[in-house]
Amino acid sequence: MKGTMRQMIMAGPRKTKIIEVPIPQYNDDEMLVKVTLTGMCHSELYPWQTAKEGDVLGHESIGVVAELGKNVTGFKIGDRVTGLGGGAYKEYIVVSPEKMAHVPDSLKDEDAISEPLACLLSAAMKLPVETLGDPIAVVGCGYMGLGVISLFKAMGYGDIIAIDYHTERLELAKKFGATETYLPEDIPEMYHSNFETIGKADLTRSGDNANVFAPGIPTVMEFSGSESGLQLAGDLVKAHGRLGIGGYHNDGPRSIDYKLWNFKAITTINCHERRVDYEAGLCRRCMELLDKGIWKFTGVTTVYDTEDFDRVSELMEKQADGFIKGAFRP
């Protein structure tokens, strides 16, 4: 296909612009996809805030196959597809078929953007249920937090404790499977496992340390992306418990009480994924789980025009007006 297309690029910090660029060319092993929506990721907030002119964003794509390389099999023109790669705040992207998933007819475009869903599935699989009905807590109930709550419910967790600063997000957390919800200041003392609740660190080995195991939650997933959220999540993990770190922390260093984490002998798990082939497979699995109703996670993404990107980024930054997730028409 020849011609030009619209593409969003950064004009500088906190400012985007739309330019005309050539439609990308593909080889015999690739597909040209006409983008219908691009999802906004919280990992792009800091790059948007600090951008240089010409920077590009976008990695959550869904669209329709427009043209095929002659070696491509398993796809046809007109198929709805979603997956990894290509860069997506533009009208057309070139993708590798092995990184793509077919979109079931049962799903709307805004509910089938598979890249963040695959990240969620990867994260959840790093915290498998040890015994059916085990409790778990989630700190941060934005899009990723809500998604992982619904996954934890499907995985067989029992009490699912949701924590966030926003009451409207906590209401959504209940919808997706949370059994208890708290503002940070309202968390019961029994869920805190720190030196105030377990007492002074005892290294004498003269007792059984029973008091160390009384407070806290066995498994905690952090999806806040903030220093305070990470600190709180670590404070909640029971001795010898697990802390999954799923929030994307890209705006600076983090300070934590490692003496506490060390003393409690907790296991910390980085719940991000960088194996592209593995995650591409998860994109396909997510479509299956949603289509079959095993994973019930739809209806939280709002669709906007690309010209609204800066305004919507401010909503994400301020967590204002009930914002959960945005997706943009090219």
Protein backbone atom coordinates (compact mmCIF):
# COMPACT_ATOMS: atom_id res chain seq x y z
CA MET A 1 0.00 0.00 0.00
CA LYS A 2 1.34 3.42 -0.90
CA GLY A 3 0.44 6.83 0.44
CA THR A 4 0.60 8.63 3.76
CA MET A 5 -1.00 8.20 7.15
CA ARG A 6 -1.52 10.07 10.41
CA GLN A 7 0.87 9.41 13.28
CA MET A 8 1.03 10.90 16.77
CA ILE A 9 4.47 11.95 18.02
CA MET A 10 5.67 14.01 20.95
CA ALA A 11 6.24 17.73 20.37
CA GLY A 12 8.01 18.04 23.74
CA PRO A 13 7.11 17.45 27.40
CA ARG A 14 3.35 16.89 27.89
CA LYS A 15 2.55 17.86 24.29
CA THR A 16 1.74 15.69 21.29
CA LYS A 17 1.10 16.50 17.65
CA ILE A 18 -0.22 14.69 14.58
CA ILE A 19 2.00 14.44 11.51
CA GLU A 20 1.73 12.83 8.10
CA VAL A 21 4.21 10.03 7.38
CA PRO A 22 4.50 7.35 4.68
CA ILE A 23 2.51 4.17 5.20
CA PRO A 24 5.10 1.57 6.32
CA GLN A 25 6.19 -1.15 3.90
CA TYR A 26 6.13 -4.82 4.83
CA ASN A 27 8.08 -7.84 3.64
CA ASP A 28 6.91 -11.28 2.54
CA ASP A 29 6.76 -12.53 6.15
CA GLU A 30 4.81 -9.61 7.64
CA MET A 31 1.31 -8.13 7.68
CA LEU A 32 0.06 -4.58 7.30
CA VAL A 33 -2.60 -3.85 9.90
CA LYS A 34 -4.99 -0.91 9.89
CA VAL A 35 -5.14 0.18 13.51
CA THR A 36 -8.59 0.65 15.04
CA LEU A 37 -7.50 1.43 18.61
CA THR A 38 -4.32 1.96 20.59
CA GLY A 39 -4.44 1.51 24.34
CA MET A 40 -2.81 3.97 26.73
CA CYS A 41 -0.35 2.41 29.17
CA HIS A 42 0.61 3.88 32.54
CA SER A 43 4.23 3.10 31.68
CA GLU A 44 3.97 5.91 29.10
CA LEU A 45 2.99 8.58 31.62
CA TYR A 46 6.53 9.48 32.67
CA PRO A 47 7.83 9.41 29.06
CA TRP A 48 4.95 11.75 28.12
CA GLN A 49 5.80 14.09 31.00
CA THR A 50 9.48 14.27 30.03
CA ALA A 51 9.40 13.77 26.26
CA LYS A 52 11.70 15.25 23.66
CA GLU A 53 10.41 16.38 20.29
CA GLY A 54 10.03 13.44 17.96
CA ASP A 55 9.64 10.75 20.67
CA VAL A 56 7.01 8.14 19.89
CA LEU A 57 4.70 6.20 22.20
CA GLY A 58 2.32 3.30 21.79
CA HIS A 59 2.53 -0.47 22.08
CA GLU A 60 -1.05 -1.67 22.75
CA SER A 61 -2.62 -2.26 19.34
CA ILE A 62 -5.71 -3.79 17.83
CA GLY A 63 -6.74 -3.54 14.21
CA VAL A 64 -7.73 -5.23 10.95
CA VAL A 65 -5.42 -7.00 8.51
CA ALA A 66 -5.13 -4.75 5.44
CA GLU A 67 -2.46 -6.58 3.43
CA LEU A 68 -0.44 -9.79 3.74
CA GLY A 69 3.07 -10.83 2.78
CA LYS A 70 3.06 -13.82 0.43
CA ASN A 71 4.53 -16.16 3.06
CA VAL A 72 1.99 -15.36 5.77
CA THR A 73 -0.38 -18.17 6.76
CA GLY A 74 -3.17 -18.38 9.33
CA PHE A 75 -4.48 -14.88 8.66
CA LYS A 76 -6.52 -13.27 5.90
CA ILE A 77 -7.39 -9.72 4.89
CA GLY A 78 -10.17 -8.41 7.12
CA ASP A 79 -9.24 -10.44 10.21
CA ARG A 80 -9.31 -8.55 13.51
CA VAL A 81 -5.95 -8.97 15.21
CA THR A 82 -4.16 -7.83 18.34
CA GLY A 83 -0.76 -8.52 19.83
CA LEU A 84 2.77 -7.21 20.14
CA GLY A 85 4.90 -4.84 18.12
CA GLY A 86 4.52 -2.28 15.43
CA GLY A 87 4.12 0.88 17.46
CA ALA A 88 0.52 1.90 17.39
CA TYR A 89 -0.39 5.62 17.64
CA LYS A 90 -0.76 5.71 13.87
CA GLU A 91 -3.11 4.47 11.20
CA TYR A 92 -1.10 1.49 9.96
CA ILE A 93 1.50 -0.80 11.54
CA VAL A 94 3.64 -3.64 10.22
CA VAL A 95 3.55 -6.75 12.41
CA SER A 96 4.92 -10.28 12.50
CA PRO A 97 2.11 -12.86 12.39
CA GLU A 98 3.72 -14.97 15.13
CA LYS A 99 3.21 -12.02 17.52
CA MET A 100 -0.49 -11.64 16.69
CA ALA A 101 -3.71 -13.15 18.01
CA HIS A 102 -7.10 -13.44 16.35
CA VAL A 103 -9.83 -11.42 18.09
CA PRO A 104 -13.02 -13.40 18.86
CA ASP A 105 -16.31 -11.99 17.59
CA SER A 106 -17.58 -11.93 21.18
CA LEU A 107 -15.20 -9.12 22.18
CA LYS A 108 -15.34 -5.41 21.50
CA ASP A 109 -12.11 -3.80 20.29
CA GLU A 110 -11.60 -1.87 23.52
CA ASP A 111 -11.87 -5.06 25.59
CA ALA A 112 -9.53 -7.12 23.37
CA ILE A 113 -6.32 -5.05 23.38
CA SER A 114 -4.16 -8.00 24.26
CA GLU A 115 -0.75 -6.59 25.26
CA PRO A 116 -1.79 -5.35 28.73
CA LEU A 117 -3.95 -8.45 29.19
CA ALA A 118 -0.93 -10.64 28.48
CA CYS A 119 1.09 -8.65 31.01
CA LEU A 120 -1.63 -9.31 33.57
CA LEU A 121 -1.76 -13.02 32.85
CA SER A 122 2.03 -13.27 33.07
CA ALA A 123 2.03 -11.42 36.39
CA ALA A 124 -0.73 -13.55 37.89
CA MET A 125 1.01 -16.78 36.86
CA LYS A 126 4.01 -15.74 38.93
CA LEU A 127 1.76 -15.85 42.03
CA PRO A 128 -0.07 -19.18 41.71
CA VAL A 129 -2.55 -20.30 44.35
CA GLU A 130 -0.83 -22.61 46.82
CA THR A 131 -4.10 -23.93 48.27
CA LEU A 132 -7.55 -23.26 46.82
CA GLY A 133 -9.20 -20.43 48.74
CA ASP A 134 -5.99 -18.74 49.93
CA PRO A 135 -6.22 -14.99 50.70
CA ILE A 136 -4.43 -12.34 48.65
CA ALA A 137 -4.26 -8.54 48.61
CA VAL A 138 -3.92 -6.12 45.70
CA VAL A 139 -2.49 -2.63 46.30
CA GLY A 140 -3.56 -0.28 43.50
CA CYS A 141 -6.88 -0.74 41.68
CA GLY A 142 -6.37 0.95 38.34
CA TYR A 143 -6.76 -1.01 35.12
CA MET A 144 -4.02 -3.51 35.97
CA GLY A 145 -5.10 -3.91 39.58
CA LEU A 146 -8.72 -4.53 38.60
CA GLY A 147 -7.64 -6.95 35.91
CA VAL A 148 -5.48 -8.98 38.26
CA ILE A 149 -8.27 -9.07 40.86
CA SER A 150 -10.56 -10.67 38.29
CA LEU A 151 -7.77 -13.12 37.37
CA PHE A 152 -7.14 -14.03 40.99
CA LYS A 153 -10.81 -14.81 41.35
CA ALA A 154 -10.66 -17.10 38.32
CA MET A 155 -7.51 -18.76 39.69
CA GLY A 156 -9.24 -19.83 42.90
CA TYR A 157 -8.10 -17.30 45.48
CA GLY A 158 -10.56 -16.83 48.33
CA ASP A 159 -10.50 -13.56 50.25
CA ILE A 160 -9.28 -10.89 47.81
CA ILE A 161 -8.41 -7.66 49.63
CA ALA A 162 -8.35 -4.54 47.43
CA ILE A 163 -6.63 -1.30 48.50
CA ASP A 164 -6.71 2.06 46.73
CA TYR A 165 -7.02 5.79 47.45
CA HIS A 166 -10.20 6.13 45.35
CA THR A 167 -13.55 4.84 46.57
CA GLU A 168 -14.93 4.54 43.02
CA ARG A 169 -12.09 2.17 42.13
CA LEU A 170 -12.81 0.12 45.21
CA GLU A 171 -16.42 -0.23 44.06
CA LEU A 172 -15.15 -1.55 40.72
CA ALA A 173 -12.84 -3.90 42.60
CA LYS A 174 -15.91 -5.47 44.24
CA LYS A 175 -17.46 -5.96 40.81
CA PHE A 176 -14.41 -7.87 39.63
CA GLY A 177 -14.11 -10.11 42.67
CA ALA A 178 -12.71 -8.27 45.68
CA THR A 179 -14.24 -9.48 48.93
CA GLU A 180 -12.82 -6.69 51.11
CA THR A 181 -11.92 -3.12 50.11
CA TYR A 182 -10.01 -0.47 52.04
CA LEU A 183 -8.64 3.00 51.75
CA PRO A 184 -4.99 2.86 52.93
CA GLU A 185 -5.80 4.60 56.20
CA ASP A 186 -8.60 2.11 56.95
CA ILE A 187 -6.66 -1.14 56.60
CA PRO A 188 -7.17 -3.23 59.78
CA GLU A 189 -4.14 -3.55 62.04
CA MET A 190 -4.16 -7.34 61.66
CA TYR A 191 -3.15 -6.92 58.02
CA HIS A 192 -0.05 -4.88 58.84
CA SER A 193 3.13 -6.87 59.42
CA ASN A 194 5.72 -4.39 60.66
CA PHE A 195 7.76 -3.76 63.77
CA GLU A 196 4.76 -2.11 65.46
CA THR A 197 2.59 -5.22 65.07
CA ILE A 198 5.22 -7.97 65.35
CA GLY A 199 7.37 -6.24 67.95
CA LYS A 200 11.09 -5.61 68.09
CA ALA A 201 13.26 -7.73 65.82
CA ASP A 202 14.36 -10.75 67.88
CA LEU A 203 17.54 -12.37 66.60
CA THR A 204 18.31 -14.44 69.71
CA ARG A 205 16.75 -17.65 68.32
CA SER A 206 15.62 -18.41 71.88
CA GLY A 207 11.92 -18.63 71.02
CA ASP A 208 9.72 -19.82 68.17
CA ASN A 209 9.04 -16.31 66.74
CA ALA A 210 5.29 -17.06 66.74
CA ASN A 211 4.44 -13.38 66.97
CA VAL A 212 6.18 -12.76 63.64
CA PHE A 213 3.64 -14.91 61.81
CA ALA A 214 0.45 -13.57 63.39
CA PRO A 215 -0.18 -10.35 61.40
CA GLY A 216 -0.10 -9.75 57.66
CA ILE A 217 -1.30 -11.32 54.42
CA PRO A 218 0.44 -14.32 52.81
CA THR A 219 0.51 -12.94 49.26
CA VAL A 220 0.33 -9.31 48.14
CA MET A 221 0.37 -7.95 44.59
CA GLU A 222 1.45 -4.33 44.10
CA PHE A 223 0.04 -2.54 41.05
CA SER A 224 0.27 1.09 42.18
CA GLY A 225 3.49 2.07 40.41
CA SER A 226 4.21 4.49 43.26
CA GLU A 227 6.75 4.51 46.06
CA SER A 228 4.08 4.77 48.75
CA GLY A 229 2.15 1.88 47.23
CA LEU A 230 5.24 -0.31 47.13
CA GLN A 231 6.08 0.56 50.73
CA LEU A 232 2.53 -0.26 51.83
CA ALA A 233 2.50 -3.56 49.94
CA GLY A 234 5.74 -4.63 51.63
CA ASP A 235 4.28 -3.67 55.00
CA LEU A 236 1.31 -6.00 54.45
CA VAL A 237 3.18 -9.19 53.54
CA LYS A 238 3.19 -11.83 56.27
CA ALA A 239 6.53 -13.34 57.36
CA HIS A 240 7.74 -15.80 54.71
CA GLY A 241 5.01 -14.46 52.41
CA ARG A 242 5.19 -13.35 48.78
CA LEU A 243 5.26 -9.84 47.32
CA GLY A 244 4.55 -9.51 43.60
CA ILE A 245 5.71 -6.19 42.13
CA GLY A 246 3.60 -5.47 39.07
CA GLY A 247 3.49 -1.67 39.05
CA TYR A 248 5.76 0.00 36.51
CA HIS A 249 8.20 2.17 38.46
CA ASN A 250 9.91 4.40 35.90
CA ASP A 251 9.89 7.89 37.40
CA GLY A 252 12.81 7.52 39.82
CA PRO A 253 14.34 5.35 42.56
CA ARG A 254 12.29 3.75 45.32
CA SER A 255 13.01 3.67 49.05
CA ILE A 256 11.79 0.68 51.03
CA ASP A 257 12.31 -0.65 54.55
CA TYR A 258 14.55 -3.53 53.57
CA LYS A 259 15.34 -4.30 57.20
CA LEU A 260 11.65 -5.17 57.60
CA TRP A 261 11.49 -7.14 54.35
CA ASN A 262 14.72 -8.92 55.25
CA PHE A 263 13.60 -9.77 58.78
CA LYS A 264 10.26 -11.12 57.57
CA ALA A 265 12.09 -13.30 55.02
CA ILE A 266 9.57 -12.42 52.33
CA THR A 267 9.94 -13.46 48.71
CA THR A 268 9.81 -10.57 46.23
CA ILE A 269 8.84 -11.39 42.65
CA ASN A 270 9.27 -9.00 39.74
CA CYS A 271 6.07 -9.60 37.80
CA HIS A 272 7.12 -8.04 34.50
CA GLU A 273 7.75 -10.01 31.34
CA ARG A 274 10.37 -9.52 28.61
CA ARG A 275 10.17 -12.84 26.71
CA VAL A 276 8.40 -11.70 23.54
CA ASP A 277 7.51 -15.16 22.21
CA TYR A 278 6.08 -16.21 25.57
CA GLU A 279 4.01 -13.05 25.88
CA ALA A 280 2.74 -13.40 22.31
CA GLY A 281 1.42 -16.80 23.31
CA LEU A 282 -0.26 -15.21 26.32
CA CYS A 283 -1.97 -12.70 23.98
CA ARG A 284 -3.62 -15.65 22.24
CA ARG A 285 -4.48 -17.33 25.54
CA CYS A 286 -6.09 -14.13 26.86
CA MET A 287 -8.42 -14.03 23.87
CA GLU A 288 -9.46 -17.62 24.64
CA LEU A 289 -10.02 -16.94 28.34
CA LEU A 290 -12.15 -13.87 27.68
CA ASP A 291 -14.11 -15.52 24.86
CA LYS A 292 -14.93 -18.55 27.01
CA GLY A 293 -15.91 -16.43 30.01
CA ILE A 294 -13.22 -17.96 32.22
CA TRP A 295 -11.71 -14.51 32.73
CA LYS A 296 -14.41 -11.88 33.20
CA PHE A 297 -12.70 -8.55 32.59
CA THR A 298 -14.41 -6.14 30.21
CA GLY A 299 -16.06 -2.73 30.22
CA VAL A 300 -13.41 -0.52 31.85
CA THR A 301 -11.78 1.13 28.81
CA THR A 302 -13.01 4.45 27.39
CA VAL A 303 -12.42 5.30 23.71
CA TYR A 304 -11.14 8.74 22.69
CA ASP A 305 -9.82 10.49 19.59
CA THR A 306 -6.03 10.75 19.34
CA GLU A 307 -6.30 14.55 19.45
CA ASP A 308 -7.44 14.12 23.08
CA PHE A 309 -4.27 12.30 24.13
CA ASP A 310 -2.74 15.12 26.20
CA ARG A 311 -6.01 15.85 28.01
CA VAL A 312 -6.53 12.17 28.80
CA SER A 313 -2.90 11.83 29.93
CA GLU A 314 -3.65 14.54 32.49
CA LEU A 315 -6.65 12.52 33.67
CA MET A 316 -4.40 9.49 34.11
CA GLU A 317 -1.79 11.62 35.88
CA LYS A 318 -4.32 13.03 38.34
CA GLN A 319 -6.45 9.86 38.47
CA ALA A 320 -9.37 12.21 37.90
CA ASP A 321 -12.98 11.86 36.73
CA GLY A 322 -13.07 8.13 37.40
CA PHE A 323 -10.41 7.45 34.80
CA ILE A 324 -9.37 3.79 34.51
CA LYS A 325 -8.00 3.29 31.00
CA GLY A 326 -8.11 5.06 27.64
CA ALA A 327 -7.85 3.79 24.08
CA PHE A 328 -7.49 6.03 21.04
CA ARG A 329 -8.77 6.00 17.50
CA PRO A 330 -5.97 6.87 15.03
